[in-house]
Amino acid sequence: MAQERIDVPITGKIIAVSVTVGSKVGEGDLICTIESMKMENPILSPVSGKVTEVKVSPGQVVQTGSLIATVEY
């Protein structure tokens, strides 16, 4: 199976995580929400598949390029 790595696009704070390991996601489903510059930025899945890894949690400050999650498809 192929894997899609979902990385942090913008430095900020994770305010919500919508998936757990084992979650099934569709293309465009919400993975998490990052607050940056007082705006909420939804991070969406680029592919349909199963979440195999989640590397963030609410309240965590993340830097651009860090791994959010991995989706196997």
PDB file of N, CA and C in Angstrom:
ATOM      1  N   MET A   1       0.832  -1.200   0.000  1.00  0.00           N
ATOM      2  CA  MET A   1       0.000   0.000   0.000  1.00  0.00           C
ATOM      3  C   MET A   1       0.870   1.255   0.000  1.00  0.00           C
ATOM      4  N   ALA A   2       0.360   2.293  -0.602  1.00  0.00           N
ATOM      5  CA  ALA A   2       1.067   3.571  -0.628  1.00  0.00           C
ATOM      6  C   ALA A   2       0.705   4.391   0.602  1.00  0.00           C
ATOM      7  N   GLN A   3       1.587   5.304   0.961  1.00  0.00           N
ATOM      8  CA  GLN A   3       1.329   6.174   2.109  1.00  0.00           C
ATOM      9  C   GLN A   3       1.420   7.627   1.688  1.00  0.00           C
ATOM     10  N   GLU A   4       0.546   8.434   2.250  1.00  0.00           N
ATOM     11  CA  GLU A   4       0.567   9.879   2.015  1.00  0.00           C
ATOM     12  C   GLU A   4       0.916  10.544   3.333  1.00  0.00           C
ATOM     13  N   ARG A   5       1.954  11.349   3.311  1.00  0.00           N
ATOM     14  CA  ARG A   5       2.406  12.078   4.494  1.00  0.00           C
ATOM     15  C   ARG A   5       1.706  13.440   4.506  1.00  0.00           C
ATOM     16  N   ILE A   6       1.070  13.789   5.611  1.00  0.00           N
ATOM     17  CA  ILE A   6       0.414  15.093   5.742  1.00  0.00           C
ATOM     18  C   ILE A   6       1.290  15.943   6.654  1.00  0.00           C
ATOM     19  N   ASP A   7       1.849  17.015   6.096  1.00  0.00           N
ATOM     20  CA  ASP A   7       2.766  17.878   6.838  1.00  0.00           C
ATOM     21  C   ASP A   7       2.106  19.192   7.223  1.00  0.00           C
ATOM     22  N   VAL A   8       2.678  19.850   8.212  1.00  0.00           N
ATOM     23  CA  VAL A   8       2.199  21.156   8.675  1.00  0.00           C
ATOM     24  C   VAL A   8       2.502  22.210   7.603  1.00  0.00           C
ATOM     25  N   PRO A   9       1.469  22.892   7.079  1.00  0.00           N
ATOM     26  CA  PRO A   9       1.699  23.895   6.041  1.00  0.00           C
ATOM     27  C   PRO A   9       2.046  25.273   6.593  1.00  0.00           C
ATOM     28  N   ILE A  10       1.717  25.512   7.870  1.00  0.00           N
ATOM     29  CA  ILE A  10       1.896  26.840   8.463  1.00  0.00           C
ATOM     30  C   ILE A  10       2.154  26.686   9.956  1.00  0.00           C
ATOM     31  N   THR A  11       3.138  27.419  10.479  1.00  0.00           N
ATOM     32  CA  THR A  11       3.456  27.356  11.900  1.00  0.00           C
ATOM     33  C   THR A  11       2.267  27.852  12.722  1.00  0.00           C
ATOM     34  N   GLY A  12       1.959  27.137  13.790  1.00  0.00           N
ATOM     35  CA  GLY A  12       0.836  27.534  14.631  1.00  0.00           C
ATOM     36  C   GLY A  12       0.613  26.537  15.749  1.00  0.00           C
ATOM     37  N   LYS A  13      -0.601  26.572  16.319  1.00  0.00           N
ATOM     38  CA  LYS A  13      -0.944  25.696  17.438  1.00  0.00           C
ATOM     39  C   LYS A  13      -2.097  24.784  17.029  1.00  0.00           C
ATOM     40  N   ILE A  14      -1.961  23.503  17.324  1.00  0.00           N
ATOM     41  CA  ILE A  14      -3.028  22.537  17.048  1.00  0.00           C
ATOM     42  C   ILE A  14      -4.157  22.807  18.039  1.00  0.00           C
ATOM     43  N   ILE A  15      -5.359  23.091  17.522  1.00  0.00           N
ATOM     44  CA  ILE A  15      -6.478  23.327  18.442  1.00  0.00           C
ATOM     45  C   ILE A  15      -7.461  22.162  18.465  1.00  0.00           C
ATOM     46  N   ALA A  16      -7.415  21.291  17.459  1.00  0.00           N
ATOM     47  CA  ALA A  16      -8.288  20.114  17.455  1.00  0.00           C
ATOM     48  C   ALA A  16      -7.692  19.057  16.530  1.00  0.00           C
ATOM     49  N   VAL A  17      -7.822  17.796  16.936  1.00  0.00           N
ATOM     50  CA  VAL A  17      -7.415  16.661  16.096  1.00  0.00           C
ATOM     51  C   VAL A  17      -8.667  15.819  15.877  1.00  0.00           C
ATOM     52  N   SER A  18      -9.020  15.594  14.608  1.00  0.00           N
ATOM     53  CA  SER A  18     -10.289  14.934  14.280  1.00  0.00           C
ATOM     54  C   SER A  18     -10.165  13.451  13.967  1.00  0.00           C
ATOM     55  N   VAL A  19      -8.934  12.922  13.956  1.00  0.00           N
ATOM     56  CA  VAL A  19      -8.738  11.507  13.614  1.00  0.00           C
ATOM     57  C   VAL A  19      -7.858  10.832  14.660  1.00  0.00           C
ATOM     58  N   THR A  20      -7.927   9.508  14.673  1.00  0.00           N
ATOM     59  CA  THR A  20      -7.031   8.696  15.498  1.00  0.00           C
ATOM     60  C   THR A  20      -6.455   7.616  14.599  1.00  0.00           C
ATOM     61  N   VAL A  21      -5.436   6.917  15.079  1.00  0.00           N
ATOM     62  CA  VAL A  21      -4.865   5.807  14.313  1.00  0.00           C
ATOM     63  C   VAL A  21      -5.974   4.787  14.072  1.00  0.00           C
ATOM     64  N   GLY A  22      -6.124   4.363  12.820  1.00  0.00           N
ATOM     65  CA  GLY A  22      -7.167   3.411  12.464  1.00  0.00           C
ATOM     66  C   GLY A  22      -8.393   4.069  11.849  1.00  0.00           C
ATOM     67  N   SER A  23      -8.502   5.398  11.970  1.00  0.00           N
ATOM     68  CA  SER A  23      -9.647   6.108  11.377  1.00  0.00           C
ATOM     69  C   SER A  23      -9.636   5.973   9.865  1.00  0.00           C
ATOM     70  N   LYS A  24     -10.815   5.800   9.294  1.00  0.00           N
ATOM     71  CA  LYS A  24     -10.962   5.822   7.838  1.00  0.00           C
ATOM     72  C   LYS A  24     -11.276   7.266   7.447  1.00  0.00           C
ATOM     73  N   VAL A  25     -10.578   7.771   6.442  1.00  0.00           N
ATOM     74  CA  VAL A  25     -10.814   9.142   5.980  1.00  0.00           C
ATOM     75  C   VAL A  25     -11.048   9.148   4.475  1.00  0.00           C
ATOM     76  N   GLY A  26     -11.835  10.109   4.043  1.00  0.00           N
ATOM     77  CA  GLY A  26     -12.049  10.325   2.622  1.00  0.00           C
ATOM     78  C   GLY A  26     -11.232  11.523   2.178  1.00  0.00           C
ATOM     79  N   GLU A  27     -11.013  11.649   0.885  1.00  0.00           N
ATOM     80  CA  GLU A  27     -10.307  12.812   0.365  1.00  0.00           C
ATOM     81  C   GLU A  27     -11.083  14.067   0.763  1.00  0.00           C
ATOM     82  N   GLY A  28     -10.405  15.031   1.385  1.00  0.00           N
ATOM     83  CA  GLY A  28     -11.059  16.257   1.813  1.00  0.00           C
ATOM     84  C   GLY A  28     -11.597  16.231   3.234  1.00  0.00           C
ATOM     85  N   ASP A  29     -11.499  15.081   3.925  1.00  0.00           N
ATOM     86  CA  ASP A  29     -11.946  15.008   5.319  1.00  0.00           C
ATOM     87  C   ASP A  29     -10.993  15.774   6.231  1.00  0.00           C
ATOM     88  N   LEU A  30     -11.517  16.316   7.308  1.00  0.00           N
ATOM     89  CA  LEU A  30     -10.731  17.087   8.270  1.00  0.00           C
ATOM     90  C   LEU A  30      -9.805  16.173   9.074  1.00  0.00           C
ATOM     91  N   ILE A  31      -8.520  16.523   9.099  1.00  0.00           N
ATOM     92  CA  ILE A  31      -7.531  15.787   9.899  1.00  0.00           C
ATOM     93  C   ILE A  31      -7.324  16.513  11.231  1.00  0.00           C
ATOM     94  N   CYS A  32      -7.070  17.819  11.151  1.00  0.00           N
ATOM     95  CA  CYS A  32      -6.903  18.624  12.361  1.00  0.00           C
ATOM     96  C   CYS A  32      -7.104  20.098  12.009  1.00  0.00           C
ATOM     97  N   THR A  33      -7.104  20.933  13.044  1.00  0.00           N
ATOM     98  CA  THR A  33      -7.232  22.373  12.845  1.00  0.00           C
ATOM     99  C   THR A  33      -6.050  23.050  13.523  1.00  0.00           C
ATOM    100  N   ILE A  34      -5.397  23.956  12.778  1.00  0.00           N
ATOM    101  CA  ILE A  34      -4.249  24.707  13.291  1.00  0.00           C
ATOM    102  C   ILE A  34      -4.649  26.175  13.406  1.00  0.00           C
ATOM    103  N   GLU A  35      -4.360  26.772  14.562  1.00  0.00           N
ATOM    104  CA  GLU A  35      -4.592  28.208  14.736  1.00  0.00           C
ATOM    105  C   GLU A  35      -3.277  28.925  14.458  1.00  0.00           C
ATOM    106  N   SER A  36      -3.335  29.862  13.529  1.00  0.00           N
ATOM    107  CA  SER A  36      -2.159  30.648  13.189  1.00  0.00           C
ATOM    108  C   SER A  36      -2.607  32.066  12.872  1.00  0.00           C
ATOM    109  N   MET A  37      -1.962  33.048  13.470  1.00  0.00           N
ATOM    110  CA  MET A  37      -2.305  34.458  13.271  1.00  0.00           C
ATOM    111  C   MET A  37      -3.796  34.702  13.533  1.00  0.00           C
ATOM    112  N   LYS A  38      -4.303  34.115  14.623  1.00  0.00           N
ATOM    113  CA  LYS A  38      -5.700  34.256  15.064  1.00  0.00           C
ATOM    114  C   LYS A  38      -6.724  33.706  14.057  1.00  0.00           C
ATOM    115  N   MET A  39      -6.274  32.891  13.126  1.00  0.00           N
ATOM    116  CA  MET A  39      -7.192  32.258  12.166  1.00  0.00           C
ATOM    117  C   MET A  39      -7.117  30.753  12.322  1.00  0.00           C
ATOM    118  N   GLU A  40      -8.267  30.090  12.159  1.00  0.00           N
ATOM    119  CA  GLU A  40      -8.304  28.627  12.200  1.00  0.00           C
ATOM    120  C   GLU A  40      -8.116  28.089  10.799  1.00  0.00           C
ATOM    121  N   ASN A  41      -7.145  27.187  10.637  1.00  0.00           N
ATOM    122  CA  ASN A  41      -6.824  26.611   9.337  1.00  0.00           C
ATOM    123  C   ASN A  41      -7.106  25.118   9.356  1.00  0.00           C
ATOM    124  N   PRO A  42      -8.133  24.664   8.625  1.00  0.00           N
ATOM    125  CA  PRO A  42      -8.407  23.228   8.592  1.00  0.00           C
ATOM    126  C   PRO A  42      -7.363  22.511   7.741  1.00  0.00           C
ATOM    127  N   ILE A  43      -6.885  21.380   8.231  1.00  0.00           N
ATOM    128  CA  ILE A  43      -5.948  20.548   7.477  1.00  0.00           C
ATOM    129  C   ILE A  43      -6.750  19.343   6.992  1.00  0.00           C
ATOM    130  N   LEU A  44      -6.827  19.184   5.680  1.00  0.00           N
ATOM    131  CA  LEU A  44      -7.673  18.154   5.082  1.00  0.00           C
ATOM    132  C   LEU A  44      -6.839  17.022   4.500  1.00  0.00           C
ATOM    133  N   SER A  45      -7.424  15.841   4.454  1.00  0.00           N
ATOM    134  CA  SER A  45      -6.733  14.686   3.884  1.00  0.00           C
ATOM    135  C   SER A  45      -6.681  14.811   2.359  1.00  0.00           C
ATOM    136  N   PRO A  46      -5.493  14.640   1.772  1.00  0.00           N
ATOM    137  CA  PRO A  46      -5.367  14.715   0.319  1.00  0.00           C
ATOM    138  C   PRO A  46      -5.816  13.431  -0.389  1.00  0.00           C
ATOM    139  N   VAL A  47      -5.997  12.355   0.388  1.00  0.00           N
ATOM    140  CA  VAL A  47      -6.373  11.054  -0.191  1.00  0.00           C
ATOM    141  C   VAL A  47      -7.390  10.352   0.706  1.00  0.00           C
ATOM    142  N   SER A  48      -8.074   9.353   0.159  1.00  0.00           N
ATOM    143  CA  SER A  48      -8.941   8.472   0.953  1.00  0.00           C
ATOM    144  C   SER A  48      -8.114   7.297   1.426  1.00  0.00           C
ATOM    145  N   GLY A  49      -8.325   6.871   2.660  1.00  0.00           N
ATOM    146  CA  GLY A  49      -7.578   5.727   3.168  1.00  0.00           C
ATOM    147  C   GLY A  49      -7.733   5.570   4.659  1.00  0.00           C
ATOM    148  N   LYS A  50      -6.719   4.947   5.291  1.00  0.00           N
ATOM    149  CA  LYS A  50      -6.743   4.681   6.730  1.00  0.00           C
ATOM    150  C   LYS A  50      -5.574   5.415   7.383  1.00  0.00           C
ATOM    151  N   VAL A  51      -5.866   6.103   8.483  1.00  0.00           N
ATOM    152  CA  VAL A  51      -4.827   6.813   9.223  1.00  0.00           C
ATOM    153  C   VAL A  51      -3.957   5.787   9.949  1.00  0.00           C
ATOM    154  N   THR A  52      -2.640   5.807   9.684  1.00  0.00           N
ATOM    155  CA  THR A  52      -1.736   4.850  10.315  1.00  0.00           C
ATOM    156  C   THR A  52      -0.847   5.494  11.369  1.00  0.00           C
ATOM    157  N   GLU A  53      -0.848   6.831  11.405  1.00  0.00           N
ATOM    158  CA  GLU A  53       0.031   7.536  12.327  1.00  0.00           C
ATOM    159  C   GLU A  53      -0.548   8.935  12.574  1.00  0.00           C
ATOM    160  N   VAL A  54      -0.575   9.362  13.837  1.00  0.00           N
ATOM    161  CA  VAL A  54      -0.978  10.728  14.189  1.00  0.00           C
ATOM    162  C   VAL A  54       0.110  11.268  15.114  1.00  0.00           C
ATOM    163  N   LYS A  55       0.751  12.355  14.719  1.00  0.00           N
ATOM    164  CA  LYS A  55       1.904  12.869  15.459  1.00  0.00           C
ATOM    165  C   LYS A  55       1.651  14.187  16.183  1.00  0.00           C
ATOM    166  N   VAL A  56       0.399  14.639  16.228  1.00  0.00           N
ATOM    167  CA  VAL A  56       0.097  15.905  16.900  1.00  0.00           C
ATOM    168  C   VAL A  56      -1.018  15.717  17.918  1.00  0.00           C
ATOM    169  N   SER A  57      -1.115  16.651  18.850  1.00  0.00           N
ATOM    170  CA  SER A  57      -2.195  16.628  19.834  1.00  0.00           C
ATOM    171  C   SER A  57      -2.627  18.070  20.121  1.00  0.00           C
ATOM    172  N   PRO A  58      -3.867  18.261  20.593  1.00  0.00           N
ATOM    173  CA  PRO A  58      -4.364  19.606  20.870  1.00  0.00           C
ATOM    174  C   PRO A  58      -3.447  20.361  21.840  1.00  0.00           C
ATOM    175  N   GLY A  59      -3.197  21.638  21.530  1.00  0.00           N
ATOM    176  CA  GLY A  59      -2.344  22.466  22.369  1.00  0.00           C
ATOM    177  C   GLY A  59      -0.894  22.488  21.933  1.00  0.00           C
ATOM    178  N   GLN A  60      -0.518  21.548  21.079  1.00  0.00           N
ATOM    179  CA  GLN A  60       0.867  21.450  20.619  1.00  0.00           C
ATOM    180  C   GLN A  60       1.176  22.560  19.616  1.00  0.00           C
ATOM    181  N   VAL A  61       2.343  23.199  19.763  1.00  0.00           N
ATOM    182  CA  VAL A  61       2.804  24.195  18.795  1.00  0.00           C
ATOM    183  C   VAL A  61       3.622  23.437  17.743  1.00  0.00           C
ATOM    184  N   VAL A  62       3.289  23.662  16.469  1.00  0.00           N
ATOM    185  CA  VAL A  62       3.943  22.930  15.376  1.00  0.00           C
ATOM    186  C   VAL A  62       4.620  23.889  14.403  1.00  0.00           C
ATOM    187  N   GLN A  63       5.676  23.396  13.785  1.00  0.00           N
ATOM    188  CA  GLN A  63       6.442  24.175  12.809  1.00  0.00           C
ATOM    189  C   GLN A  63       6.161  23.661  11.399  1.00  0.00           C
ATOM    190  N   THR A  64       6.252  24.547  10.436  1.00  0.00           N
ATOM    191  CA  THR A  64       6.058  24.177   9.031  1.00  0.00           C
ATOM    192  C   THR A  64       6.949  22.989   8.677  1.00  0.00           C
ATOM    193  N   GLY A  65       6.374  21.988   8.008  1.00  0.00           N
ATOM    194  CA  GLY A  65       7.127  20.813   7.575  1.00  0.00           C
ATOM    195  C   GLY A  65       7.066  19.640   8.528  1.00  0.00           C
ATOM    196  N   SER A  66       6.583  19.859   9.766  1.00  0.00           N
ATOM    197  CA  SER A  66       6.463  18.753  10.726  1.00  0.00           C
ATOM    198  C   SER A  66       5.364  17.795  10.270  1.00  0.00           C
ATOM    199  N   LEU A  67       5.502  16.540  10.666  1.00  0.00           N
ATOM    200  CA  LEU A  67       4.503  15.528  10.306  1.00  0.00           C
ATOM    201  C   LEU A  67       3.262  15.662  11.179  1.00  0.00           C
ATOM    202  N   ILE A  68       2.095  15.711  10.521  1.00  0.00           N
ATOM    203  CA  ILE A  68       0.816  15.705  11.251  1.00  0.00           C
ATOM    204  C   ILE A  68       0.324  14.272  11.349  1.00  0.00           C
ATOM    205  N   ALA A  69       0.209  13.616  10.184  1.00  0.00           N
ATOM    206  CA  ALA A  69      -0.335  12.256  10.154  1.00  0.00           C
ATOM    207  C   ALA A  69       0.096  11.562   8.869  1.00  0.00           C
ATOM    208  N   THR A  70      -0.080  10.251   8.851  1.00  0.00           N
ATOM    209  CA  THR A  70       0.184   9.451   7.659  1.00  0.00           C
ATOM    210  C   THR A  70      -1.088   8.680   7.323  1.00  0.00           C
ATOM    211  N   VAL A  71      -1.474   8.694   6.041  1.00  0.00           N
ATOM    212  CA  VAL A  71      -2.645   7.989   5.577  1.00  0.00           C
ATOM    213  C   VAL A  71      -2.205   6.935   4.563  1.00  0.00           C
ATOM    214  N   GLU A  72      -2.617   5.694   4.800  1.00  0.00           N
ATOM    215  CA  GLU A  72      -2.308   4.584   3.880  1.00  0.00           C
ATOM    216  C   GLU A  72      -3.483   4.414   2.933  1.00  0.00           C
ATOM    217  N   TYR A  73      -3.184   4.259   1.645  1.00  0.00           N
ATOM    218  CA  TYR A  73      -4.273   4.117   0.663  1.00  0.00           C
ATOM    219  C   TYR A  73      -3.931   3.105  -0.401  1.00  0.00           C
TER     220      TYR A  73
END
